[in-house]
């Protein structure tokens, strides 16, 4: 796997997702059809890859996170986020750019994560 600096990677990923979001909202039917054929398969493959990387072991622990060794719960935030956005009955609320950087507790209470 290629090593990509975290800061540059995050900006590039969010820029790409913002671009796709604009195309979906503002594009014509031909643009949306092109996204379905070109970009949707890449997004599906990406989510499948993330889910596979975070597949729980036989004890239900995510192999990508070692914090469970320190006595915390073995739940994986990656899998929980995917489930919340793709499987949960309630539709996920649109996220503002500020919410992208909020912790799950901030998103639930609406509190700002600034200044921590």
PDB file of N, CA and C in Angstrom:
ATOM      1  N   UNK A   1       0.836  -1.170   0.000  1.00  0.00           N
ATOM      2  CA  UNK A   1       0.000   0.000   0.000  1.00  0.00           C
ATOM      3  C   UNK A   1       0.882   1.234   0.000  1.00  0.00           C
ATOM      4  N   UNK A   2       0.536   2.233  -0.796  1.00  0.00           N
ATOM      5  CA  UNK A   2       1.328   3.447  -0.878  1.00  0.00           C
ATOM      6  C   UNK A   2       1.174   4.261   0.394  1.00  0.00           C
ATOM      7  N   UNK A   3       2.304   4.809   0.870  1.00  0.00           N
ATOM      8  CA  UNK A   3       2.247   5.696   2.024  1.00  0.00           C
ATOM      9  C   UNK A   3       1.959   7.101   1.545  1.00  0.00           C
ATOM     10  N   UNK A   4       0.842   7.667   2.009  1.00  0.00           N
ATOM     11  CA  UNK A   4       0.440   9.020   1.648  1.00  0.00           C
ATOM     12  C   UNK A   4       0.413   9.823   2.933  1.00  0.00           C
ATOM     13  N   UNK A   5       1.065  11.003   2.964  1.00  0.00           N
ATOM     14  CA  UNK A   5       1.030  11.811   4.187  1.00  0.00           C
ATOM     15  C   UNK A   5      -0.413  12.086   4.604  1.00  0.00           C
ATOM     16  N   UNK A   6      -0.692  11.960   5.885  1.00  0.00           N
ATOM     17  CA  UNK A   6      -2.062  12.071   6.382  1.00  0.00           C
ATOM     18  C   UNK A   6      -2.700  13.422   6.067  1.00  0.00           C
ATOM     19  N   UNK A   7      -1.997  14.508   6.269  1.00  0.00           N
ATOM     20  CA  UNK A   7      -2.588  15.831   6.048  1.00  0.00           C
ATOM     21  C   UNK A   7      -2.955  16.028   4.579  1.00  0.00           C
ATOM     22  N   UNK A   8      -2.045  15.711   3.672  1.00  0.00           N
ATOM     23  CA  UNK A   8      -2.326  15.859   2.243  1.00  0.00           C
ATOM     24  C   UNK A   8      -3.406  14.914   1.777  1.00  0.00           C
ATOM     25  N   UNK A   9      -3.409  13.725   2.321  1.00  0.00           N
ATOM     26  CA  UNK A   9      -4.405  12.722   1.959  1.00  0.00           C
ATOM     27  C   UNK A   9      -5.801  13.168   2.369  1.00  0.00           C
ATOM     28  N   UNK A  10      -5.942  13.684   3.588  1.00  0.00           N
ATOM     29  CA  UNK A  10      -7.265  14.099   4.075  1.00  0.00           C
ATOM     30  C   UNK A  10      -7.831  15.213   3.205  1.00  0.00           C
ATOM     31  N   UNK A  11      -7.025  16.209   2.909  1.00  0.00           N
ATOM     32  CA  UNK A  11      -7.491  17.311   2.061  1.00  0.00           C
ATOM     33  C   UNK A  11      -7.881  16.835   0.682  1.00  0.00           C
ATOM     34  N   UNK A  12      -7.086  15.962   0.101  1.00  0.00           N
ATOM     35  CA  UNK A  12      -7.396  15.439  -1.229  1.00  0.00           C
ATOM     36  C   UNK A  12      -8.676  14.629  -1.240  1.00  0.00           C
ATOM     37  N   UNK A  13      -8.877  13.834  -0.211  1.00  0.00           N
ATOM     38  CA  UNK A  13     -10.083  13.006  -0.130  1.00  0.00           C
ATOM     39  C   UNK A  13     -11.320  13.878   0.058  1.00  0.00           C
ATOM     40  N   UNK A  14     -11.247  14.840   0.969  1.00  0.00           N
ATOM     41  CA  UNK A  14     -12.420  15.688   1.190  1.00  0.00           C
ATOM     42  C   UNK A  14     -12.708  16.556  -0.034  1.00  0.00           C
ATOM     43  N   UNK A  15     -11.665  17.020  -0.716  1.00  0.00           N
ATOM     44  CA  UNK A  15     -11.882  17.786  -1.953  1.00  0.00           C
ATOM     45  C   UNK A  15     -12.583  16.933  -3.005  1.00  0.00           C
ATOM     46  N   UNK A  16     -12.143  15.679  -3.146  1.00  0.00           N
ATOM     47  CA  UNK A  16     -12.753  14.749  -4.105  1.00  0.00           C
ATOM     48  C   UNK A  16     -14.223  14.502  -3.762  1.00  0.00           C
ATOM     49  N   UNK A  17     -14.516  14.259  -2.481  1.00  0.00           N
ATOM     50  CA  UNK A  17     -15.892  14.017  -2.072  1.00  0.00           C
ATOM     51  C   UNK A  17     -16.755  15.263  -2.249  1.00  0.00           C
ATOM     52  N   UNK A  18     -16.206  16.434  -1.950  1.00  0.00           N
ATOM     53  CA  UNK A  18     -16.938  17.684  -2.184  1.00  0.00           C
ATOM     54  C   UNK A  18     -17.247  17.858  -3.669  1.00  0.00           C
ATOM     55  N   UNK A  19     -16.276  17.529  -4.513  1.00  0.00           N
ATOM     56  CA  UNK A  19     -16.460  17.611  -5.969  1.00  0.00           C
ATOM     57  C   UNK A  19     -17.597  16.678  -6.418  1.00  0.00           C
ATOM     58  N   UNK A  20     -17.575  15.436  -5.937  1.00  0.00           N
ATOM     59  CA  UNK A  20     -18.642  14.497  -6.296  1.00  0.00           C
ATOM     60  C   UNK A  20     -19.995  14.987  -5.793  1.00  0.00           C
ATOM     61  N   UNK A  21     -20.015  15.516  -4.593  1.00  0.00           N
ATOM     62  CA  UNK A  21     -21.263  16.043  -4.033  1.00  0.00           C
ATOM     63  C   UNK A  21     -21.816  17.166  -4.906  1.00  0.00           C
ATOM     64  N   UNK A  22     -20.956  18.071  -5.353  1.00  0.00           N
ATOM     65  CA  UNK A  22     -21.403  19.168  -6.229  1.00  0.00           C
ATOM     66  C   UNK A  22     -21.947  18.621  -7.546  1.00  0.00           C
ATOM     67  N   UNK A  23     -21.265  17.618  -8.114  1.00  0.00           N
ATOM     68  CA  UNK A  23     -21.740  17.039  -9.375  1.00  0.00           C
ATOM     69  C   UNK A  23     -23.117  16.398  -9.206  1.00  0.00           C
ATOM     70  N   UNK A  24     -23.326  15.720  -8.098  1.00  0.00           N
ATOM     71  CA  UNK A  24     -24.623  15.085  -7.857  1.00  0.00           C
ATOM     72  C   UNK A  24     -25.710  16.145  -7.688  1.00  0.00           C
ATOM     73  N   UNK A  25     -25.411  17.187  -6.923  1.00  0.00           N
ATOM     74  CA  UNK A  25     -26.421  18.220  -6.652  1.00  0.00           C
ATOM     75  C   UNK A  25     -26.685  19.117  -7.861  1.00  0.00           C
ATOM     76  N   UNK A  26     -25.627  19.475  -8.593  1.00  0.00           N
ATOM     77  CA  UNK A  26     -25.762  20.498  -9.626  1.00  0.00           C
ATOM     78  C   UNK A  26     -25.664  19.974 -11.059  1.00  0.00           C
ATOM     79  N   UNK A  27     -25.226  18.738 -11.205  1.00  0.00           N
ATOM     80  CA  UNK A  27     -25.027  18.193 -12.544  1.00  0.00           C
ATOM     81  C   UNK A  27     -26.325  17.808 -13.231  1.00  0.00           C
ATOM     82  N   UNK A  28     -26.235  17.707 -14.545  1.00  0.00           N
ATOM     83  CA  UNK A  28     -27.395  17.272 -15.320  1.00  0.00           C
ATOM     84  C   UNK A  28     -27.492  15.747 -15.285  1.00  0.00           C
ATOM     85  N   UNK A  29     -28.491  15.204 -15.949  1.00  0.00           N
ATOM     86  CA  UNK A  29     -28.703  13.757 -15.936  1.00  0.00           C
ATOM     87  C   UNK A  29     -27.525  12.989 -16.517  1.00  0.00           C
ATOM     88  N   UNK A  30     -26.912  13.523 -17.568  1.00  0.00           N
ATOM     89  CA  UNK A  30     -25.756  12.850 -18.177  1.00  0.00           C
ATOM     90  C   UNK A  30     -24.583  12.799 -17.205  1.00  0.00           C
ATOM     91  N   UNK A  31     -24.384  13.865 -16.446  1.00  0.00           N
ATOM     92  CA  UNK A  31     -23.306  13.894 -15.448  1.00  0.00           C
ATOM     93  C   UNK A  31     -23.562  12.870 -14.361  1.00  0.00           C
ATOM     94  N   UNK A  32     -24.794  12.818 -13.883  1.00  0.00           N
ATOM     95  CA  UNK A  32     -25.135  11.840 -12.842  1.00  0.00           C
ATOM     96  C   UNK A  32     -24.985  10.406 -13.340  1.00  0.00           C
ATOM     97  N   UNK A  33     -25.376  10.144 -14.578  1.00  0.00           N
ATOM     98  CA  UNK A  33     -25.209   8.800 -15.146  1.00  0.00           C
ATOM     99  C   UNK A  33     -23.733   8.439 -15.238  1.00  0.00           C
ATOM    100  N   UNK A  34     -22.917   9.410 -15.608  1.00  0.00           N
ATOM    101  CA  UNK A  34     -21.480   9.175 -15.689  1.00  0.00           C
ATOM    102  C   UNK A  34     -20.909   8.837 -14.313  1.00  0.00           C
ATOM    103  N   UNK A  35     -21.396   9.521 -13.277  1.00  0.00           N
ATOM    104  CA  UNK A  35     -20.953   9.214 -11.915  1.00  0.00           C
ATOM    105  C   UNK A  35     -21.327   7.800 -11.518  1.00  0.00           C
ATOM    106  N   UNK A  36     -22.543   7.377 -11.885  1.00  0.00           N
ATOM    107  CA  UNK A  36     -22.978   6.019 -11.558  1.00  0.00           C
ATOM    108  C   UNK A  36     -22.067   4.981 -12.197  1.00  0.00           C
ATOM    109  N   UNK A  37     -21.654   5.230 -13.411  1.00  0.00           N
ATOM    110  CA  UNK A  37     -20.818   4.262 -14.123  1.00  0.00           C
ATOM    111  C   UNK A  37     -19.346   4.348 -13.736  1.00  0.00           C
ATOM    112  N   UNK A  38     -18.871   5.543 -13.407  1.00  0.00           N
ATOM    113  CA  UNK A  38     -17.446   5.707 -13.159  1.00  0.00           C
ATOM    114  C   UNK A  38     -17.050   5.791 -11.699  1.00  0.00           C
ATOM    115  N   UNK A  39     -17.737   6.633 -10.940  1.00  0.00           N
ATOM    116  CA  UNK A  39     -17.311   6.903  -9.567  1.00  0.00           C
ATOM    117  C   UNK A  39     -17.968   5.996  -8.532  1.00  0.00           C
ATOM    118  N   UNK A  40     -19.227   5.642  -8.737  1.00  0.00           N
ATOM    119  CA  UNK A  40     -19.904   4.794  -7.761  1.00  0.00           C
ATOM    120  C   UNK A  40     -19.186   3.455  -7.541  1.00  0.00           C
ATOM    121  N   UNK A  41     -18.749   2.760  -8.594  1.00  0.00           N
ATOM    122  CA  UNK A  41     -18.017   1.514  -8.350  1.00  0.00           C
ATOM    123  C   UNK A  41     -16.745   1.714  -7.519  1.00  0.00           C
ATOM    124  N   UNK A  42     -16.057   2.847  -7.706  1.00  0.00           N
ATOM    125  CA  UNK A  42     -14.856   3.127  -6.906  1.00  0.00           C
ATOM    126  C   UNK A  42     -15.225   3.362  -5.446  1.00  0.00           C
ATOM    127  N   UNK A  43     -16.316   4.082  -5.205  1.00  0.00           N
ATOM    128  CA  UNK A  43     -16.750   4.329  -3.829  1.00  0.00           C
ATOM    129  C   UNK A  43     -17.183   3.027  -3.143  1.00  0.00           C
ATOM    130  N   UNK A  44     -17.903   2.186  -3.867  1.00  0.00           N
ATOM    131  CA  UNK A  44     -18.321   0.896  -3.309  1.00  0.00           C
ATOM    132  C   UNK A  44     -17.097   0.045  -2.977  1.00  0.00           C
ATOM    133  N   UNK A  45     -16.133  -0.009  -3.883  1.00  0.00           N
ATOM    134  CA  UNK A  45     -14.910  -0.787  -3.640  1.00  0.00           C
ATOM    135  C   UNK A  45     -14.142  -0.242  -2.432  1.00  0.00           C
ATOM    136  N   UNK A  46     -14.127   1.077  -2.280  1.00  0.00           N
ATOM    137  CA  UNK A  46     -13.443   1.694  -1.146  1.00  0.00           C
ATOM    138  C   UNK A  46     -14.099   1.303   0.168  1.00  0.00           C
ATOM    139  N   UNK A  47     -15.423   1.376   0.228  1.00  0.00           N
ATOM    140  CA  UNK A  47     -16.131   1.006   1.462  1.00  0.00           C
ATOM    141  C   UNK A  47     -15.938  -0.475   1.753  1.00  0.00           C
ATOM    142  N   UNK A  48     -16.022  -1.316   0.728  1.00  0.00           N
ATOM    143  CA  UNK A  48     -15.797  -2.759   0.940  1.00  0.00           C
ATOM    144  C   UNK A  48     -14.397  -3.019   1.497  1.00  0.00           C
ATOM    145  N   UNK A  49     -13.399  -2.313   0.961  1.00  0.00           N
ATOM    146  CA  UNK A  49     -12.017  -2.475   1.424  1.00  0.00           C
ATOM    147  C   UNK A  49     -11.892  -2.052   2.891  1.00  0.00           C
ATOM    148  N   UNK A  50     -12.487  -0.913   3.249  1.00  0.00           N
ATOM    149  CA  UNK A  50     -12.447  -0.462   4.644  1.00  0.00           C
ATOM    150  C   UNK A  50     -13.108  -1.478   5.575  1.00  0.00           C
ATOM    151  N   UNK A  51     -14.262  -1.976   5.170  1.00  0.00           N
ATOM    152  CA  UNK A  51     -14.971  -2.960   5.995  1.00  0.00           C
ATOM    153  C   UNK A  51     -14.128  -4.227   6.166  1.00  0.00           C
ATOM    154  N   UNK A  52     -13.490  -4.657   5.105  1.00  0.00           N
ATOM    155  CA  UNK A  52     -12.646  -5.860   5.191  1.00  0.00           C
ATOM    156  C   UNK A  52     -11.454  -5.619   6.118  1.00  0.00           C
ATOM    157  N   UNK A  53     -10.833  -4.452   6.012  1.00  0.00           N
ATOM    158  CA  UNK A  53      -9.691  -4.139   6.883  1.00  0.00           C
ATOM    159  C   UNK A  53     -10.087  -4.102   8.352  1.00  0.00           C
ATOM    160  N   UNK A  54     -11.335  -3.744   8.637  1.00  0.00           N
ATOM    161  CA  UNK A  54     -11.807  -3.607  10.009  1.00  0.00           C
ATOM    162  C   UNK A  54     -12.715  -4.759  10.430  1.00  0.00           C
ATOM    163  N   UNK A  55     -12.649  -5.877   9.701  1.00  0.00           N
ATOM    164  CA  UNK A  55     -13.460  -7.052  10.049  1.00  0.00           C
ATOM    165  C   UNK A  55     -13.045  -7.555  11.432  1.00  0.00           C
ATOM    166  N   UNK A  56     -14.019  -7.739  12.337  1.00  0.00           N
ATOM    167  CA  UNK A  56     -13.682  -8.197  13.690  1.00  0.00           C
ATOM    168  C   UNK A  56     -13.078  -9.601  13.679  1.00  0.00           C
ATOM    169  N   UNK A  57     -12.173  -9.833  14.630  1.00  0.00           N
ATOM    170  CA  UNK A  57     -11.601 -11.162  14.778  1.00  0.00           C
ATOM    171  C   UNK A  57     -12.597 -12.074  15.503  1.00  0.00           C
ATOM    172  N   UNK A  58     -12.171 -13.267  15.865  1.00  0.00           N
ATOM    173  CA  UNK A  58     -13.078 -14.228  16.494  1.00  0.00           C
ATOM    174  C   UNK A  58     -13.609 -13.747  17.845  1.00  0.00           C
ATOM    175  N   UNK A  59     -12.925 -12.766  18.464  1.00  0.00           N
ATOM    176  CA  UNK A  59     -13.379 -12.214  19.739  1.00  0.00           C
ATOM    177  C   UNK A  59     -14.136 -10.907  19.554  1.00  0.00           C
ATOM    178  N   UNK A  60     -14.426 -10.543  18.288  1.00  0.00           N
ATOM    179  CA  UNK A  60     -15.197  -9.336  18.017  1.00  0.00           C
ATOM    180  C   UNK A  60     -14.394  -8.056  18.030  1.00  0.00           C
ATOM    181  N   UNK A  61     -13.051  -8.166  18.014  1.00  0.00           N
ATOM    182  CA  UNK A  61     -12.210  -6.979  18.086  1.00  0.00           C
ATOM    183  C   UNK A  61     -11.681  -6.603  16.703  1.00  0.00           C
ATOM    184  N   UNK A  62     -11.623  -5.318  16.454  1.00  0.00           N
ATOM    185  CA  UNK A  62     -11.105  -4.803  15.186  1.00  0.00           C
ATOM    186  C   UNK A  62      -9.584  -4.958  15.169  1.00  0.00           C
ATOM    187  N   UNK A  63      -9.029  -5.577  14.127  1.00  0.00           N
ATOM    188  CA  UNK A  63      -7.578  -5.780  14.081  1.00  0.00           C
ATOM    189  C   UNK A  63      -6.793  -4.492  13.824  1.00  0.00           C
ATOM    190  N   UNK A  64      -7.456  -3.439  13.422  1.00  0.00           N
ATOM    191  CA  UNK A  64      -6.765  -2.174  13.123  1.00  0.00           C
ATOM    192  C   UNK A  64      -6.591  -1.288  14.344  1.00  0.00           C
ATOM    193  N   UNK A  65      -7.244  -1.630  15.440  1.00  0.00           N
ATOM    194  CA  UNK A  65      -7.205  -0.777  16.628  1.00  0.00           C
ATOM    195  C   UNK A  65      -6.683  -1.569  17.815  1.00  0.00           C
ATOM    196  N   UNK A  66      -5.703  -1.017  18.506  1.00  0.00           N
ATOM    197  CA  UNK A  66      -5.126  -1.709  19.661  1.00  0.00           C
ATOM    198  C   UNK A  66      -5.647  -1.165  20.985  1.00  0.00           C
ATOM    199  N   UNK A  67      -6.517  -0.142  20.942  1.00  0.00           N
ATOM    200  CA  UNK A  67      -7.011   0.455  22.176  1.00  0.00           C
ATOM    201  C   UNK A  67      -7.799  -0.521  23.027  1.00  0.00           C
ATOM    202  N   UNK A  68      -8.319  -1.588  22.440  1.00  0.00           N
ATOM    203  CA  UNK A  68      -9.082  -2.558  23.231  1.00  0.00           C
ATOM    204  C   UNK A  68      -8.212  -3.202  24.302  1.00  0.00           C
ATOM    205  N   UNK A  69      -6.897  -3.182  24.072  1.00  0.00           N
ATOM    206  CA  UNK A  69      -5.990  -3.777  25.066  1.00  0.00           C
ATOM    207  C   UNK A  69      -5.941  -2.949  26.341  1.00  0.00           C
ATOM    208  N   UNK A  70      -6.355  -1.695  26.262  1.00  0.00           N
ATOM    209  CA  UNK A  70      -6.309  -0.814  27.429  1.00  0.00           C
ATOM    210  C   UNK A  70      -7.647  -0.809  28.178  1.00  0.00           C
ATOM    211  N   UNK A  71      -8.492  -1.763  27.907  1.00  0.00           N
ATOM    212  CA  UNK A  71      -9.716  -1.918  28.672  1.00  0.00           C
ATOM    213  C   UNK A  71     -10.943  -1.229  28.108  1.00  0.00           C
ATOM    214  N   UNK A  72     -10.847  -0.658  26.928  1.00  0.00           N
ATOM    215  CA  UNK A  72     -12.013  -0.011  26.332  1.00  0.00           C
ATOM    216  C   UNK A  72     -12.832  -1.036  25.554  1.00  0.00           C
ATOM    217  N   UNK A  73     -13.998  -0.616  25.108  1.00  0.00           N
ATOM    218  CA  UNK A  73     -14.863  -1.529  24.371  1.00  0.00           C
ATOM    219  C   UNK A  73     -14.235  -1.878  23.026  1.00  0.00           C
ATOM    220  N   UNK A  74     -14.545  -3.043  22.488  1.00  0.00           N
ATOM    221  CA  UNK A  74     -13.932  -3.470  21.235  1.00  0.00           C
ATOM    222  C   UNK A  74     -14.652  -2.975  19.984  1.00  0.00           C
ATOM    223  N   UNK A  75     -15.559  -2.011  20.111  1.00  0.00           N
ATOM    224  CA  UNK A  75     -16.284  -1.565  18.922  1.00  0.00           C
ATOM    225  C   UNK A  75     -15.367  -0.761  18.007  1.00  0.00           C
ATOM    226  N   UNK A  76     -15.646  -0.830  16.732  1.00  0.00           N
ATOM    227  CA  UNK A  76     -14.838  -0.148  15.722  1.00  0.00           C
ATOM    228  C   UNK A  76     -15.637   1.029  15.177  1.00  0.00           C
ATOM    229  N   UNK A  77     -15.087   2.231  15.280  1.00  0.00           N
ATOM    230  CA  UNK A  77     -15.793   3.427  14.813  1.00  0.00           C
ATOM    231  C   UNK A  77     -15.951   3.425  13.300  1.00  0.00           C
ATOM    232  N   UNK A  78     -15.022   2.813  12.571  1.00  0.00           N
ATOM    233  CA  UNK A  78     -15.138   2.761  11.110  1.00  0.00           C
ATOM    234  C   UNK A  78     -16.372   1.951  10.725  1.00  0.00           C
ATOM    235  N   UNK A  79     -16.499   0.764  11.281  1.00  0.00           N
ATOM    236  CA  UNK A  79     -17.658  -0.076  10.965  1.00  0.00           C
ATOM    237  C   UNK A  79     -18.954   0.573  11.454  1.00  0.00           C
ATOM    238  N   UNK A  80     -18.929   1.206  12.622  1.00  0.00           N
ATOM    239  CA  UNK A  80     -20.128   1.869  13.142  1.00  0.00           C
ATOM    240  C   UNK A  80     -20.545   3.027  12.240  1.00  0.00           C
ATOM    241  N   UNK A  81     -19.591   3.772  11.735  1.00  0.00           N
ATOM    242  CA  UNK A  81     -19.899   4.893  10.846  1.00  0.00           C
ATOM    243  C   UNK A  81     -20.491   4.406   9.535  1.00  0.00           C
ATOM    244  N   UNK A  82     -19.903   3.373   8.959  1.00  0.00           N
ATOM    245  CA  UNK A  82     -20.442   2.811   7.715  1.00  0.00           C
ATOM    246  C   UNK A  82     -21.866   2.320   7.944  1.00  0.00           C
ATOM    247  N   UNK A  83     -22.081   1.622   9.045  1.00  0.00           N
ATOM    248  CA  UNK A  83     -23.424   1.121   9.345  1.00  0.00           C
ATOM    249  C   UNK A  83     -24.409   2.269   9.509  1.00  0.00           C
ATOM    250  N   UNK A  84     -24.008   3.309  10.239  1.00  0.00           N
ATOM    251  CA  UNK A  84     -24.903   4.442  10.487  1.00  0.00           C
ATOM    252  C   UNK A  84     -25.309   5.121   9.181  1.00  0.00           C
ATOM    253  N   UNK A  85     -24.382   5.240   8.238  1.00  0.00           N
ATOM    254  CA  UNK A  85     -24.678   5.956   7.002  1.00  0.00           C
ATOM    255  C   UNK A  85     -25.329   5.092   5.922  1.00  0.00           C
ATOM    256  N   UNK A  86     -25.068   3.800   5.931  1.00  0.00           N
ATOM    257  CA  UNK A  86     -25.576   2.952   4.855  1.00  0.00           C
ATOM    258  C   UNK A  86     -26.700   2.010   5.258  1.00  0.00           C
ATOM    259  N   UNK A  87     -26.768   1.618   6.521  1.00  0.00           N
ATOM    260  CA  UNK A  87     -27.702   0.582   6.938  1.00  0.00           C
ATOM    261  C   UNK A  87     -28.787   1.104   7.869  1.00  0.00           C
ATOM    262  N   UNK A  88     -28.457   2.052   8.718  1.00  0.00           N
ATOM    263  CA  UNK A  88     -29.408   2.550   9.722  1.00  0.00           C
ATOM    264  C   UNK A  88     -30.692   3.031   9.055  1.00  0.00           C
ATOM    265  N   UNK A  89     -31.811   2.834   9.742  1.00  0.00           N
ATOM    266  CA  UNK A  89     -33.119   3.182   9.201  1.00  0.00           C
ATOM    267  C   UNK A  89     -33.242   4.694   9.005  1.00  0.00           C
ATOM    268  N   UNK A  90     -32.784   5.472   9.981  1.00  0.00           N
ATOM    269  CA  UNK A  90     -32.860   6.929   9.872  1.00  0.00           C
ATOM    270  C   UNK A  90     -31.789   7.415   8.900  1.00  0.00           C
ATOM    271  N   UNK A  91     -32.149   8.271   7.956  1.00  0.00           N
ATOM    272  CA  UNK A  91     -31.133   8.789   7.041  1.00  0.00           C
ATOM    273  C   UNK A  91     -30.145   9.664   7.794  1.00  0.00           C
ATOM    274  N   UNK A  92     -28.893   9.592   7.390  1.00  0.00           N
ATOM    275  CA  UNK A  92     -27.864  10.413   8.012  1.00  0.00           C
ATOM    276  C   UNK A  92     -28.076  11.865   7.613  1.00  0.00           C
ATOM    277  N   UNK A  93     -27.957  12.758   8.572  1.00  0.00           N
ATOM    278  CA  UNK A  93     -28.109  14.185   8.293  1.00  0.00           C
ATOM    279  C   UNK A  93     -26.900  14.654   7.496  1.00  0.00           C
ATOM    280  N   UNK A  94     -27.094  15.588   6.569  1.00  0.00           N
ATOM    281  CA  UNK A  94     -25.958  16.133   5.835  1.00  0.00           C
ATOM    282  C   UNK A  94     -24.971  16.742   6.813  1.00  0.00           C
ATOM    283  N   UNK A  95     -23.691  16.539   6.546  1.00  0.00           N
ATOM    284  CA  UNK A  95     -22.659  17.026   7.447  1.00  0.00           C
ATOM    285  C   UNK A  95     -22.065  18.314   6.913  1.00  0.00           C
ATOM    286  N   UNK A  96     -21.914  19.286   7.791  1.00  0.00           N
ATOM    287  CA  UNK A  96     -21.233  20.515   7.404  1.00  0.00           C
ATOM    288  C   UNK A  96     -19.740  20.257   7.430  1.00  0.00           C
ATOM    289  N   UNK A  97     -18.952  21.163   6.889  1.00  0.00           N
ATOM    290  CA  UNK A  97     -17.504  20.969   6.899  1.00  0.00           C
ATOM    291  C   UNK A  97     -16.983  20.942   8.325  1.00  0.00           C
ATOM    292  N   UNK A  98     -17.609  21.670   9.254  1.00  0.00           N
ATOM    293  CA  UNK A  98     -17.177  21.644  10.651  1.00  0.00           C
ATOM    294  C   UNK A  98     -17.451  20.285  11.276  1.00  0.00           C
ATOM    295  N   UNK A  99     -18.555  19.637  10.887  1.00  0.00           N
ATOM    296  CA  UNK A  99     -18.913  18.349  11.473  1.00  0.00           C
ATOM    297  C   UNK A  99     -17.958  17.246  11.052  1.00  0.00           C
ATOM    298  N   UNK A 100     -17.254  17.428   9.937  1.00  0.00           N
ATOM    299  CA  UNK A 100     -16.304  16.404   9.503  1.00  0.00           C
ATOM    300  C   UNK A 100     -15.221  16.164  10.532  1.00  0.00           C
ATOM    301  N   UNK A 101     -14.917  17.196  11.316  1.00  0.00           N
ATOM    302  CA  UNK A 101     -13.819  17.102  12.265  1.00  0.00           C
ATOM    303  C   UNK A 101     -14.300  16.921  13.691  1.00  0.00           C
ATOM    304  N   UNK A 102     -15.600  16.812  13.875  1.00  0.00           N
ATOM    305  CA  UNK A 102     -16.159  16.649  15.207  1.00  0.00           C
ATOM    306  C   UNK A 102     -16.052  15.202  15.639  1.00  0.00           C
ATOM    307  N   UNK A 103     -15.974  14.999  16.935  1.00  0.00           N
ATOM    308  CA  UNK A 103     -15.981  13.645  17.467  1.00  0.00           C
ATOM    309  C   UNK A 103     -17.418  13.145  17.476  1.00  0.00           C
ATOM    310  N   UNK A 104     -17.638  11.844  17.589  1.00  0.00           N
ATOM    311  CA  UNK A 104     -19.011  11.343  17.642  1.00  0.00           C
ATOM    312  C   UNK A 104     -19.828  12.009  18.747  1.00  0.00           C
ATOM    313  N   UNK A 105     -19.226  12.294  19.897  1.00  0.00           N
ATOM    314  CA  UNK A 105     -19.959  12.946  20.977  1.00  0.00           C
ATOM    315  C   UNK A 105     -20.381  14.349  20.562  1.00  0.00           C
ATOM    316  N   UNK A 106     -19.506  15.075  19.864  1.00  0.00           N
ATOM    317  CA  UNK A 106     -19.839  16.415  19.396  1.00  0.00           C
ATOM    318  C   UNK A 106     -20.999  16.370  18.420  1.00  0.00           C
ATOM    319  N   UNK A 107     -21.029  15.371  17.545  1.00  0.00           N
ATOM    320  CA  UNK A 107     -22.076  15.272  16.543  1.00  0.00           C
ATOM    321  C   UNK A 107     -23.412  14.969  17.200  1.00  0.00           C
ATOM    322  N   UNK A 108     -23.390  14.228  18.294  1.00  0.00           N
ATOM    323  CA  UNK A 108     -24.623  13.885  18.974  1.00  0.00           C
ATOM    324  C   UNK A 108     -25.180  15.078  19.735  1.00  0.00           C
ATOM    325  N   UNK A 109     -24.303  15.822  20.426  1.00  0.00           N
ATOM    326  CA  UNK A 109     -24.765  16.921  21.269  1.00  0.00           C
ATOM    327  C   UNK A 109     -24.784  18.241  20.545  1.00  0.00           C
ATOM    328  N   UNK A 110     -24.075  18.318  19.414  1.00  0.00           N
ATOM    329  CA  UNK A 110     -24.003  19.571  18.692  1.00  0.00           C
ATOM    330  C   UNK A 110     -22.954  20.507  19.261  1.00  0.00           C
ATOM    331  N   UNK A 111     -22.205  20.047  20.259  1.00  0.00           N
ATOM    332  CA  UNK A 111     -21.168  20.877  20.857  1.00  0.00           C
ATOM    333  C   UNK A 111     -20.003  21.040  19.913  1.00  0.00           C
ATOM    334  N   UNK A 112     -19.316  22.123  20.040  1.00  0.00           N
ATOM    335  CA  UNK A 112     -18.155  22.388  19.188  1.00  0.00           C
ATOM    336  C   UNK A 112     -16.964  21.589  19.685  1.00  0.00           C
ATOM    337  N   UNK A 113     -16.167  21.072  18.741  1.00  0.00           N
ATOM    338  CA  UNK A 113     -14.953  20.350  19.139  1.00  0.00           C
ATOM    339  C   UNK A 113     -13.755  21.277  19.151  1.00  0.00           C
ATOM    340  N   UNK A 114     -13.945  22.560  18.839  1.00  0.00           N
ATOM    341  CA  UNK A 114     -12.847  23.515  18.848  1.00  0.00           C
ATOM    342  C   UNK A 114     -12.377  23.762  20.266  1.00  0.00           C
ATOM    343  N   UNK A 115     -11.079  24.007  20.375  1.00  0.00           N
ATOM    344  CA  UNK A 115     -10.514  24.367  21.660  1.00  0.00           C
ATOM    345  C   UNK A 115     -10.203  23.196  22.562  1.00  0.00           C
ATOM    346  N   UNK A 116     -10.200  21.996  22.041  1.00  0.00           N
ATOM    347  CA  UNK A 116      -9.880  20.833  22.882  1.00  0.00           C
ATOM    348  C   UNK A 116      -8.419  20.535  22.838  1.00  0.00           C
TER     349      UNK A 116
END
